[in-house]
């Protein structure tokens, strides 16, 4: 397997932070995207390399393994296990007075390379099967986009993947799509696709899981005397009755007017409305006199 310098592919140095890697990836992905370069095989190949580099370097665990093992980073855990087994064998042989001869460093290198399909001076192939690399992707959506379940097409590593995004998915949540990662080695299963969601809230509502929170202004007179107001919910408007002498910061719960509950079709959280009473300003002389009269009565 030829070594690919993912840092060079993205044009960043090895000390680049997550923000710098993400910025470099987005710039190159836009430049070489297949939609902007139709029938351009070189651009398609470059686009795949950019995605592959990003999938490794943008995720701390993958990047750590890549920095340590290079081209064999996908098999880093197997390498560590093999090394531990060798170490344990040597300790056992030492306890037995050297009755058996352990692997030399050269023997171990041969073993490791043949284990993962290498050819260190020979054409040996291992019969061991290994699962393919998991792909990681980030998907940004607006809060309104996840109020209802919908279908979307993603382009990952040059391949189009259709998926249904369930209503109620949360910011930072990761879903796994089986078999949509890299191909397995030696007949092993394909890796998976892990999609991490970034939900942008550009609404006036605050979300906490399935519950929504909203602040509604209430004029002083309606708060004192009672009445009826119209408030916004996530999917429309409702009328609310205001009880006389409603205090500031009074909270009202609207059952079932919150956000969809993830993977529970037809079930919703609640909307909690907090009343903020507005104090009238720029009073006329007559209004001031009337408030003074009220003050005397109190």
C-alpha atoms as a PDB file:
ATOM      1  CA  UNK A   1       0.000   0.000   0.000  1.00  0.00           C
ATOM      2  CA  UNK A   2       1.597   3.256  -1.106  1.00  0.00           C
ATOM      3  CA  UNK A   3       1.980   5.897   1.601  1.00  0.00           C
ATOM      4  CA  UNK A   4      -0.145   8.992   1.087  1.00  0.00           C
ATOM      5  CA  UNK A   5       0.791  12.163   2.957  1.00  0.00           C
ATOM      6  CA  UNK A   6      -2.635  13.437   4.001  1.00  0.00           C
ATOM      7  CA  UNK A   7      -1.159  16.667   5.348  1.00  0.00           C
ATOM      8  CA  UNK A   8       0.332  17.377   1.923  1.00  0.00           C
ATOM      9  CA  UNK A   9      -2.978  16.516   0.229  1.00  0.00           C
ATOM     10  CA  UNK A  10      -4.776  19.212   2.263  1.00  0.00           C
ATOM     11  CA  UNK A  11      -1.842  21.614   2.121  1.00  0.00           C
ATOM     12  CA  UNK A  12      -1.421  21.932   5.904  1.00  0.00           C
ATOM     13  CA  UNK A  13       1.471  21.221   8.231  1.00  0.00           C
ATOM     14  CA  UNK A  14       1.534  18.450  10.837  1.00  0.00           C
ATOM     15  CA  UNK A  15       0.850  20.923  13.627  1.00  0.00           C
ATOM     16  CA  UNK A  16      -2.384  22.197  12.047  1.00  0.00           C
ATOM     17  CA  UNK A  17      -5.362  22.378  14.395  1.00  0.00           C
ATOM     18  CA  UNK A  18      -8.877  21.108  13.694  1.00  0.00           C
ATOM     19  CA  UNK A  19     -10.109  24.504  12.490  1.00  0.00           C
ATOM     20  CA  UNK A  20      -7.236  24.865   9.996  1.00  0.00           C
ATOM     21  CA  UNK A  21      -7.804  21.348   8.644  1.00  0.00           C
ATOM     22  CA  UNK A  22     -11.530  21.970   8.229  1.00  0.00           C
ATOM     23  CA  UNK A  23     -10.911  25.271   6.428  1.00  0.00           C
ATOM     24  CA  UNK A  24      -8.378  23.701   4.049  1.00  0.00           C
ATOM     25  CA  UNK A  25     -10.696  20.773   3.313  1.00  0.00           C
ATOM     26  CA  UNK A  26     -13.692  22.979   2.497  1.00  0.00           C
ATOM     27  CA  UNK A  27     -11.644  25.177   0.181  1.00  0.00           C
ATOM     28  CA  UNK A  28     -10.267  22.216  -1.790  1.00  0.00           C
ATOM     29  CA  UNK A  29     -13.573  20.309  -1.786  1.00  0.00           C
ATOM     30  CA  UNK A  30     -15.298  23.268  -3.412  1.00  0.00           C
ATOM     31  CA  UNK A  31     -12.522  23.565  -6.008  1.00  0.00           C
ATOM     32  CA  UNK A  32     -12.509  19.891  -7.057  1.00  0.00           C
ATOM     33  CA  UNK A  33     -16.158  18.964  -6.464  1.00  0.00           C
ATOM     34  CA  UNK A  34     -17.499  16.707  -9.287  1.00  0.00           C
ATOM     35  CA  UNK A  35     -20.462  19.017  -9.856  1.00  0.00           C
ATOM     36  CA  UNK A  36     -18.050  21.829 -10.757  1.00  0.00           C
ATOM     37  CA  UNK A  37     -15.742  19.564 -12.771  1.00  0.00           C
ATOM     38  CA  UNK A  38     -17.955  17.297 -14.883  1.00  0.00           C
ATOM     39  CA  UNK A  39     -16.150  14.547 -16.810  1.00  0.00           C
ATOM     40  CA  UNK A  40     -12.827  15.582 -15.267  1.00  0.00           C
ATOM     41  CA  UNK A  41     -11.157  12.366 -14.076  1.00  0.00           C
ATOM     42  CA  UNK A  42      -8.205  14.192 -12.498  1.00  0.00           C
ATOM     43  CA  UNK A  43     -10.527  16.407 -10.457  1.00  0.00           C
ATOM     44  CA  UNK A  44     -12.569  13.357  -9.428  1.00  0.00           C
ATOM     45  CA  UNK A  45      -9.425  11.568  -8.248  1.00  0.00           C
ATOM     46  CA  UNK A  46      -8.260  14.671  -6.376  1.00  0.00           C
ATOM     47  CA  UNK A  47     -11.679  15.051  -4.747  1.00  0.00           C
ATOM     48  CA  UNK A  48     -11.509  11.475  -3.443  1.00  0.00           C
ATOM     49  CA  UNK A  49      -8.013  12.065  -2.047  1.00  0.00           C
ATOM     50  CA  UNK A  50      -9.178  15.243  -0.293  1.00  0.00           C
ATOM     51  CA  UNK A  51     -12.138  13.447   1.304  1.00  0.00           C
ATOM     52  CA  UNK A  52      -9.941  10.555   2.402  1.00  0.00           C
ATOM     53  CA  UNK A  53      -7.421  12.936   3.969  1.00  0.00           C
ATOM     54  CA  UNK A  54     -10.153  14.836   5.774  1.00  0.00           C
ATOM     55  CA  UNK A  55     -11.745  11.653   7.115  1.00  0.00           C
ATOM     56  CA  UNK A  56      -8.448  10.772   8.766  1.00  0.00           C
ATOM     57  CA  UNK A  57      -7.096  14.134   9.932  1.00  0.00           C
ATOM     58  CA  UNK A  58     -10.361  15.697  11.113  1.00  0.00           C
ATOM     59  CA  UNK A  59     -10.953  12.984  13.712  1.00  0.00           C
ATOM     60  CA  UNK A  60      -8.469  12.893  16.617  1.00  0.00           C
ATOM     61  CA  UNK A  61      -8.300   9.094  17.035  1.00  0.00           C
ATOM     62  CA  UNK A  62      -7.758   8.420  13.326  1.00  0.00           C
ATOM     63  CA  UNK A  63      -5.167  11.197  13.127  1.00  0.00           C
ATOM     64  CA  UNK A  64      -3.285   9.827  16.146  1.00  0.00           C
ATOM     65  CA  UNK A  65      -3.094   6.369  14.562  1.00  0.00           C
ATOM     66  CA  UNK A  66      -2.039   7.837  11.198  1.00  0.00           C
ATOM     67  CA  UNK A  67       0.750   9.880  12.791  1.00  0.00           C
ATOM     68  CA  UNK A  68       2.001   6.756  14.589  1.00  0.00           C
ATOM     69  CA  UNK A  69       1.596   4.005  11.988  1.00  0.00           C
ATOM     70  CA  UNK A  70       1.565   5.821   8.632  1.00  0.00           C
ATOM     71  CA  UNK A  71       0.091   3.722   5.817  1.00  0.00           C
ATOM     72  CA  UNK A  72      -0.752   0.903   8.278  1.00  0.00           C
ATOM     73  CA  UNK A  73      -2.781   3.181  10.579  1.00  0.00           C
ATOM     74  CA  UNK A  74      -6.061   1.310   9.958  1.00  0.00           C
ATOM     75  CA  UNK A  75      -4.489  -1.795  11.490  1.00  0.00           C
ATOM     76  CA  UNK A  76      -2.843  -0.038  14.416  1.00  0.00           C
ATOM     77  CA  UNK A  77      -4.865  -1.889  17.038  1.00  0.00           C
ATOM     78  CA  UNK A  78      -4.040  -5.274  15.503  1.00  0.00           C
ATOM     79  CA  UNK A  79      -0.379  -4.289  15.426  1.00  0.00           C
ATOM     80  CA  UNK A  80      -0.435  -3.388  19.116  1.00  0.00           C
ATOM     81  CA  UNK A  81      -2.106  -6.713  19.974  1.00  0.00           C
ATOM     82  CA  UNK A  82       0.469  -8.625  17.962  1.00  0.00           C
ATOM     83  CA  UNK A  83       3.290  -6.764  19.679  1.00  0.00           C
ATOM     84  CA  UNK A  84       1.797  -7.457  23.108  1.00  0.00           C
ATOM     85  CA  UNK A  85       1.454 -11.137  22.243  1.00  0.00           C
ATOM     86  CA  UNK A  86       5.095 -11.229  21.204  1.00  0.00           C
ATOM     87  CA  UNK A  87       6.125  -9.498  24.432  1.00  0.00           C
ATOM     88  CA  UNK A  88       4.104 -11.962  26.516  1.00  0.00           C
ATOM     89  CA  UNK A  89       5.683 -14.876  24.642  1.00  0.00           C
ATOM     90  CA  UNK A  90       9.170 -13.566  25.348  1.00  0.00           C
ATOM     91  CA  UNK A  91       8.387 -13.181  29.052  1.00  0.00           C
ATOM     92  CA  UNK A  92       7.093 -16.741  29.172  1.00  0.00           C
ATOM     93  CA  UNK A  93      10.167 -18.058  27.392  1.00  0.00           C
ATOM     94  CA  UNK A  94      12.355 -16.146  29.822  1.00  0.00           C
ATOM     95  CA  UNK A  95      10.561 -17.785  32.749  1.00  0.00           C
ATOM     96  CA  UNK A  96      11.122 -21.183  31.104  1.00  0.00           C
ATOM     97  CA  UNK A  97      14.852 -20.583  30.941  1.00  0.00           C
ATOM     98  CA  UNK A  98      14.944 -19.866  27.238  1.00  0.00           C
ATOM     99  CA  UNK A  99      13.625 -23.288  26.300  1.00  0.00           C
ATOM    100  CA  UNK A 100      12.080 -21.841  23.153  1.00  0.00           C
ATOM    101  CA  UNK A 101      13.404 -19.195  20.830  1.00  0.00           C
ATOM    102  CA  UNK A 102      11.279 -16.050  20.358  1.00  0.00           C
ATOM    103  CA  UNK A 103      10.819 -13.885  17.322  1.00  0.00           C
ATOM    104  CA  UNK A 104      13.568 -11.500  16.362  1.00  0.00           C
ATOM    105  CA  UNK A 105      12.685  -7.962  15.333  1.00  0.00           C
ATOM    106  CA  UNK A 106      13.150  -9.008  11.706  1.00  0.00           C
ATOM    107  CA  UNK A 107      10.877 -12.011  12.167  1.00  0.00           C
ATOM    108  CA  UNK A 108       8.258  -9.813  13.753  1.00  0.00           C
ATOM    109  CA  UNK A 109       8.385  -7.295  10.917  1.00  0.00           C
ATOM    110  CA  UNK A 110       7.881 -10.139   8.431  1.00  0.00           C
ATOM    111  CA  UNK A 111       4.983 -11.428  10.496  1.00  0.00           C
ATOM    112  CA  UNK A 112       3.343  -7.997  10.730  1.00  0.00           C
ATOM    113  CA  UNK A 113       3.665  -7.249   7.033  1.00  0.00           C
ATOM    114  CA  UNK A 114       2.401 -10.652   5.922  1.00  0.00           C
ATOM    115  CA  UNK A 115      -0.429 -10.322   8.423  1.00  0.00           C
ATOM    116  CA  UNK A 116      -1.692  -7.209   6.627  1.00  0.00           C
ATOM    117  CA  UNK A 117      -1.000  -8.298   3.063  1.00  0.00           C
ATOM    118  CA  UNK A 118       2.539  -6.905   2.750  1.00  0.00           C
ATOM    119  CA  UNK A 119       5.272  -8.542   0.703  1.00  0.00           C
ATOM    120  CA  UNK A 120       8.539  -8.129   2.601  1.00  0.00           C
ATOM    121  CA  UNK A 121      10.789  -9.987   0.207  1.00  0.00           C
ATOM    122  CA  UNK A 122       8.090 -12.573  -0.614  1.00  0.00           C
ATOM    123  CA  UNK A 123       4.597 -12.956  -2.063  1.00  0.00           C
ATOM    124  CA  UNK A 124       3.021 -14.340   1.104  1.00  0.00           C
ATOM    125  CA  UNK A 125      -0.595 -13.338   1.711  1.00  0.00           C
ATOM    126  CA  UNK A 126      -2.441 -13.640   4.984  1.00  0.00           C
ATOM    127  CA  UNK A 127      -5.759 -15.412   5.130  1.00  0.00           C
ATOM    128  CA  UNK A 128      -6.851 -13.102   7.988  1.00  0.00           C
ATOM    129  CA  UNK A 129      -9.786 -10.850   7.128  1.00  0.00           C
ATOM    130  CA  UNK A 130     -10.074  -7.288   8.325  1.00  0.00           C
ATOM    131  CA  UNK A 131     -12.959  -4.885   8.329  1.00  0.00           C
ATOM    132  CA  UNK A 132     -12.528  -1.825   6.112  1.00  0.00           C
ATOM    133  CA  UNK A 133     -11.911   1.648   7.428  1.00  0.00           C
ATOM    134  CA  UNK A 134     -14.897   3.554   8.825  1.00  0.00           C
ATOM    135  CA  UNK A 135     -15.616   6.797   7.015  1.00  0.00           C
ATOM    136  CA  UNK A 136     -16.567   9.890   9.008  1.00  0.00           C
ATOM    137  CA  UNK A 137     -18.623  12.778   7.669  1.00  0.00           C
ATOM    138  CA  UNK A 138     -20.058  15.974   9.148  1.00  0.00           C
ATOM    139  CA  UNK A 139     -23.489  17.186   8.072  1.00  0.00           C
ATOM    140  CA  UNK A 140     -24.764  20.668   8.893  1.00  0.00           C
ATOM    141  CA  UNK A 141     -28.528  21.214   9.028  1.00  0.00           C
ATOM    142  CA  UNK A 142     -30.841  23.934  10.275  1.00  0.00           C
ATOM    143  CA  UNK A 143     -33.150  23.180  13.186  1.00  0.00           C
ATOM    144  CA  UNK A 144     -36.153  23.432  10.856  1.00  0.00           C
ATOM    145  CA  UNK A 145     -34.615  20.713   8.656  1.00  0.00           C
ATOM    146  CA  UNK A 146     -34.928  18.109  11.424  1.00  0.00           C
ATOM    147  CA  UNK A 147     -38.462  18.965  12.532  1.00  0.00           C
ATOM    148  CA  UNK A 148     -39.729  16.380  10.047  1.00  0.00           C
ATOM    149  CA  UNK A 149     -38.112  13.216   8.693  1.00  0.00           C
ATOM    150  CA  UNK A 150     -36.736  13.700   5.197  1.00  0.00           C
ATOM    151  CA  UNK A 151     -34.505  12.049   2.618  1.00  0.00           C
ATOM    152  CA  UNK A 152     -31.176  13.457   1.536  1.00  0.00           C
ATOM    153  CA  UNK A 153     -28.368  12.465  -0.825  1.00  0.00           C
ATOM    154  CA  UNK A 154     -24.792  12.751   0.485  1.00  0.00           C
ATOM    155  CA  UNK A 155     -21.580  12.535  -1.533  1.00  0.00           C
ATOM    156  CA  UNK A 156     -18.934  10.666   0.475  1.00  0.00           C
ATOM    157  CA  UNK A 157     -15.601   9.797  -1.122  1.00  0.00           C
ATOM    158  CA  UNK A 158     -17.116  10.406  -4.544  1.00  0.00           C
ATOM    159  CA  UNK A 159     -20.053   8.045  -3.972  1.00  0.00           C
ATOM    160  CA  UNK A 160     -23.669   9.161  -3.603  1.00  0.00           C
ATOM    161  CA  UNK A 161     -25.468   7.771  -0.553  1.00  0.00           C
ATOM    162  CA  UNK A 162     -29.213   8.149  -0.025  1.00  0.00           C
ATOM    163  CA  UNK A 163     -30.394   8.221   3.559  1.00  0.00           C
ATOM    164  CA  UNK A 164     -33.429   9.148   5.610  1.00  0.00           C
ATOM    165  CA  UNK A 165     -32.753  11.697   8.352  1.00  0.00           C
ATOM    166  CA  UNK A 166     -35.161  11.021  11.234  1.00  0.00           C
ATOM    167  CA  UNK A 167     -37.040  13.907  12.813  1.00  0.00           C
ATOM    168  CA  UNK A 168     -35.726  14.999  16.188  1.00  0.00           C
ATOM    169  CA  UNK A 169     -32.050  14.207  15.603  1.00  0.00           C
ATOM    170  CA  UNK A 170     -29.848  16.189  17.991  1.00  0.00           C
ATOM    171  CA  UNK A 171     -26.833  18.426  17.620  1.00  0.00           C
ATOM    172  CA  UNK A 172     -23.651  16.359  17.872  1.00  0.00           C
ATOM    173  CA  UNK A 173     -25.494  13.059  17.403  1.00  0.00           C
ATOM    174  CA  UNK A 174     -23.754  10.387  15.329  1.00  0.00           C
ATOM    175  CA  UNK A 175     -25.548   7.769  13.249  1.00  0.00           C
ATOM    176  CA  UNK A 176     -23.868   4.719  11.717  1.00  0.00           C
ATOM    177  CA  UNK A 177     -24.663   3.392   8.237  1.00  0.00           C
ATOM    178  CA  UNK A 178     -23.435  -0.169   7.876  1.00  0.00           C
ATOM    179  CA  UNK A 179     -21.190  -1.148   4.971  1.00  0.00           C
ATOM    180  CA  UNK A 180     -20.770   2.340   3.497  1.00  0.00           C
ATOM    181  CA  UNK A 181     -17.126   2.734   4.511  1.00  0.00           C
ATOM    182  CA  UNK A 182     -13.946   1.486   2.854  1.00  0.00           C
ATOM    183  CA  UNK A 183     -13.710  -2.017   1.427  1.00  0.00           C
ATOM    184  CA  UNK A 184     -12.478  -4.725   3.763  1.00  0.00           C
ATOM    185  CA  UNK A 185      -9.082  -6.379   3.417  1.00  0.00           C
ATOM    186  CA  UNK A 186      -8.702 -10.007   2.291  1.00  0.00           C
ATOM    187  CA  UNK A 187     -12.446 -10.428   1.862  1.00  0.00           C
ATOM    188  CA  UNK A 188     -13.353  -8.785   5.167  1.00  0.00           C
ATOM    189  CA  UNK A 189     -16.531  -6.709   5.572  1.00  0.00           C
ATOM    190  CA  UNK A 190     -16.749  -3.102   4.463  1.00  0.00           C
ATOM    191  CA  UNK A 191     -16.351  -0.388   7.035  1.00  0.00           C
ATOM    192  CA  UNK A 192     -19.239   1.832   8.119  1.00  0.00           C
ATOM    193  CA  UNK A 193     -20.132   5.462   7.506  1.00  0.00           C
ATOM    194  CA  UNK A 194     -20.437   7.565  10.660  1.00  0.00           C
ATOM    195  CA  UNK A 195     -22.308  10.828  10.191  1.00  0.00           C
ATOM    196  CA  UNK A 196     -22.005  13.515  12.854  1.00  0.00           C
ATOM    197  CA  UNK A 197     -24.795  16.124  12.794  1.00  0.00           C
ATOM    198  CA  UNK A 198     -24.295  19.797  13.448  1.00  0.00           C
ATOM    199  CA  UNK A 199     -27.706  21.411  14.009  1.00  0.00           C
ATOM    200  CA  UNK A 200     -27.791  25.184  13.616  1.00  0.00           C
ATOM    201  CA  UNK A 201     -30.561  26.921  15.530  1.00  0.00           C
ATOM    202  CA  UNK A 202     -31.528  30.108  13.715  1.00  0.00           C
ATOM    203  CA  UNK A 203     -34.994  30.323  15.296  1.00  0.00           C
ATOM    204  CA  UNK A 204     -36.283  32.247  18.308  1.00  0.00           C
ATOM    205  CA  UNK A 205     -36.802  28.983  20.184  1.00  0.00           C
ATOM    206  CA  UNK A 206     -34.327  27.383  22.546  1.00  0.00           C
ATOM    207  CA  UNK A 207     -34.152  23.597  22.285  1.00  0.00           C
ATOM    208  CA  UNK A 208     -33.406  21.131  25.076  1.00  0.00           C
ATOM    209  CA  UNK A 209     -33.805  17.632  23.627  1.00  0.00           C
ATOM    210  CA  UNK A 210     -37.519  17.331  22.780  1.00  0.00           C
ATOM    211  CA  UNK A 211     -38.628  20.455  24.676  1.00  0.00           C
ATOM    212  CA  UNK A 212     -38.692  23.981  23.267  1.00  0.00           C
ATOM    213  CA  UNK A 213     -38.539  27.255  25.185  1.00  0.00           C
ATOM    214  CA  UNK A 214     -39.781  30.670  24.100  1.00  0.00           C
ATOM    215  CA  UNK A 215     -40.046  34.116  25.646  1.00  0.00           C
ATOM    216  CA  UNK A 216     -43.199  36.114  24.880  1.00  0.00           C
ATOM    217  CA  UNK A 217     -43.672  39.811  25.546  1.00  0.00           C
ATOM    218  CA  UNK A 218     -46.815  40.737  27.481  1.00  0.00           C
ATOM    219  CA  UNK A 219     -48.042  44.305  27.810  1.00  0.00           C
ATOM    220  CA  UNK A 220     -48.677  45.595  31.296  1.00  0.00           C
ATOM    221  CA  UNK A 221     -52.403  46.126  30.845  1.00  0.00           C
ATOM    222  CA  UNK A 222     -53.074  42.560  29.624  1.00  0.00           C
ATOM    223  CA  UNK A 223     -50.923  41.226  32.455  1.00  0.00           C
ATOM    224  CA  UNK A 224     -52.977  43.171  35.001  1.00  0.00           C
ATOM    225  CA  UNK A 225     -56.450  42.783  33.550  1.00  0.00           C
ATOM    226  CA  UNK A 226     -56.153  39.509  31.659  1.00  0.00           C
ATOM    227  CA  UNK A 227     -57.017  38.849  28.047  1.00  0.00           C
ATOM    228  CA  UNK A 228     -55.980  36.801  25.038  1.00  0.00           C
ATOM    229  CA  UNK A 229     -52.792  36.800  22.949  1.00  0.00           C
ATOM    230  CA  UNK A 230     -51.471  34.900  19.929  1.00  0.00           C
ATOM    231  CA  UNK A 231     -48.058  33.218  20.211  1.00  0.00           C
ATOM    232  CA  UNK A 232     -45.826  31.409  17.724  1.00  0.00           C
ATOM    233  CA  UNK A 233     -45.132  27.696  18.028  1.00  0.00           C
ATOM    234  CA  UNK A 234     -42.681  25.800  15.839  1.00  0.00           C
ATOM    235  CA  UNK A 235     -45.385  24.784  13.365  1.00  0.00           C
ATOM    236  CA  UNK A 236     -47.903  27.622  13.592  1.00  0.00           C
ATOM    237  CA  UNK A 237     -49.699  30.003  15.933  1.00  0.00           C
ATOM    238  CA  UNK A 238     -51.938  29.384  18.954  1.00  0.00           C
ATOM    239  CA  UNK A 239     -54.127  31.619  21.121  1.00  0.00           C
ATOM    240  CA  UNK A 240     -53.496  31.763  24.848  1.00  0.00           C
ATOM    241  CA  UNK A 241     -55.713  33.139  27.589  1.00  0.00           C
ATOM    242  CA  UNK A 242     -53.934  35.384  30.047  1.00  0.00           C
ATOM    243  CA  UNK A 243     -55.187  35.280  33.627  1.00  0.00           C
ATOM    244  CA  UNK A 244     -55.630  38.648  35.424  1.00  0.00           C
ATOM    245  CA  UNK A 245     -52.647  39.750  37.530  1.00  0.00           C
ATOM    246  CA  UNK A 246     -50.169  37.551  35.691  1.00  0.00           C
ATOM    247  CA  UNK A 247     -46.698  38.036  37.202  1.00  0.00           C
ATOM    248  CA  UNK A 248     -43.488  38.628  35.275  1.00  0.00           C
ATOM    249  CA  UNK A 249     -41.580  35.427  34.366  1.00  0.00           C
ATOM    250  CA  UNK A 250     -44.736  33.303  34.611  1.00  0.00           C
ATOM    251  CA  UNK A 251     -44.247  30.042  32.709  1.00  0.00           C
ATOM    252  CA  UNK A 252     -46.904  28.210  30.709  1.00  0.00           C
ATOM    253  CA  UNK A 253     -46.468  24.697  29.338  1.00  0.00           C
ATOM    254  CA  UNK A 254     -48.033  23.853  25.973  1.00  0.00           C
ATOM    255  CA  UNK A 255     -48.226  20.056  25.836  1.00  0.00           C
ATOM    256  CA  UNK A 256     -47.119  18.457  22.573  1.00  0.00           C
ATOM    257  CA  UNK A 257     -46.019  21.747  21.002  1.00  0.00           C
ATOM    258  CA  UNK A 258     -42.318  21.045  21.361  1.00  0.00           C
ATOM    259  CA  UNK A 259     -39.888  19.147  19.141  1.00  0.00           C
ATOM    260  CA  UNK A 260     -40.352  15.628  17.720  1.00  0.00           C
ATOM    261  CA  UNK A 261     -38.975  12.848  19.920  1.00  0.00           C
ATOM    262  CA  UNK A 262     -36.239  10.984  18.052  1.00  0.00           C
ATOM    263  CA  UNK A 263     -37.498   7.757  16.441  1.00  0.00           C
ATOM    264  CA  UNK A 264     -40.884   7.993  18.196  1.00  0.00           C
ATOM    265  CA  UNK A 265     -43.261   8.719  15.353  1.00  0.00           C
ATOM    266  CA  UNK A 266     -45.981  11.223  16.231  1.00  0.00           C
ATOM    267  CA  UNK A 267     -44.636  12.014  19.714  1.00  0.00           C
ATOM    268  CA  UNK A 268     -43.533  15.533  20.643  1.00  0.00           C
ATOM    269  CA  UNK A 269     -42.087  17.330  23.616  1.00  0.00           C
ATOM    270  CA  UNK A 270     -43.564  20.461  25.171  1.00  0.00           C
ATOM    271  CA  UNK A 271     -43.246  24.186  24.507  1.00  0.00           C
ATOM    272  CA  UNK A 272     -42.575  26.223  27.639  1.00  0.00           C
ATOM    273  CA  UNK A 273     -43.522  29.882  27.251  1.00  0.00           C
ATOM    274  CA  UNK A 274     -42.177  32.522  29.648  1.00  0.00           C
ATOM    275  CA  UNK A 275     -43.999  35.846  29.887  1.00  0.00           C
ATOM    276  CA  UNK A 276     -41.903  38.996  29.994  1.00  0.00           C
ATOM    277  CA  UNK A 277     -44.004  41.997  30.983  1.00  0.00           C
ATOM    278  CA  UNK A 278     -43.224  45.178  29.096  1.00  0.00           C
ATOM    279  CA  UNK A 279     -43.262  48.409  31.067  1.00  0.00           C
ATOM    280  CA  UNK A 280     -44.848  51.228  29.014  1.00  0.00           C
ATOM    281  CA  UNK A 281     -42.555  54.121  28.082  1.00  0.00           C
ATOM    282  CA  UNK A 282     -43.017  57.646  26.678  1.00  0.00           C
ATOM    283  CA  UNK A 283     -46.141  58.181  28.765  1.00  0.00           C
ATOM    284  CA  UNK A 284     -48.379  61.151  28.004  1.00  0.00           C
ATOM    285  CA  UNK A 285     -49.239  63.637  30.756  1.00  0.00           C
ATOM    286  CA  UNK A 286     -52.715  62.137  31.026  1.00  0.00           C
ATOM    287  CA  UNK A 287     -51.309  58.622  31.394  1.00  0.00           C
ATOM    288  CA  UNK A 288     -48.947  59.810  34.104  1.00  0.00           C
ATOM    289  CA  UNK A 289     -51.832  61.419  35.978  1.00  0.00           C
ATOM    290  CA  UNK A 290     -53.834  58.183  35.765  1.00  0.00           C
ATOM    291  CA  UNK A 291     -50.936  56.151  37.132  1.00  0.00           C
ATOM    292  CA  UNK A 292     -50.565  58.641  39.970  1.00  0.00           C
ATOM    293  CA  UNK A 293     -54.235  58.148  40.788  1.00  0.00           C
ATOM    294  CA  UNK A 294     -53.673  54.380  40.816  1.00  0.00           C
ATOM    295  CA  UNK A 295     -50.664  54.883  43.057  1.00  0.00           C
ATOM    296  CA  UNK A 296     -52.782  56.797  45.552  1.00  0.00           C
ATOM    297  CA  UNK A 297     -55.377  54.020  45.536  1.00  0.00           C
ATOM    298  CA  UNK A 298     -52.690  51.448  46.379  1.00  0.00           C
END
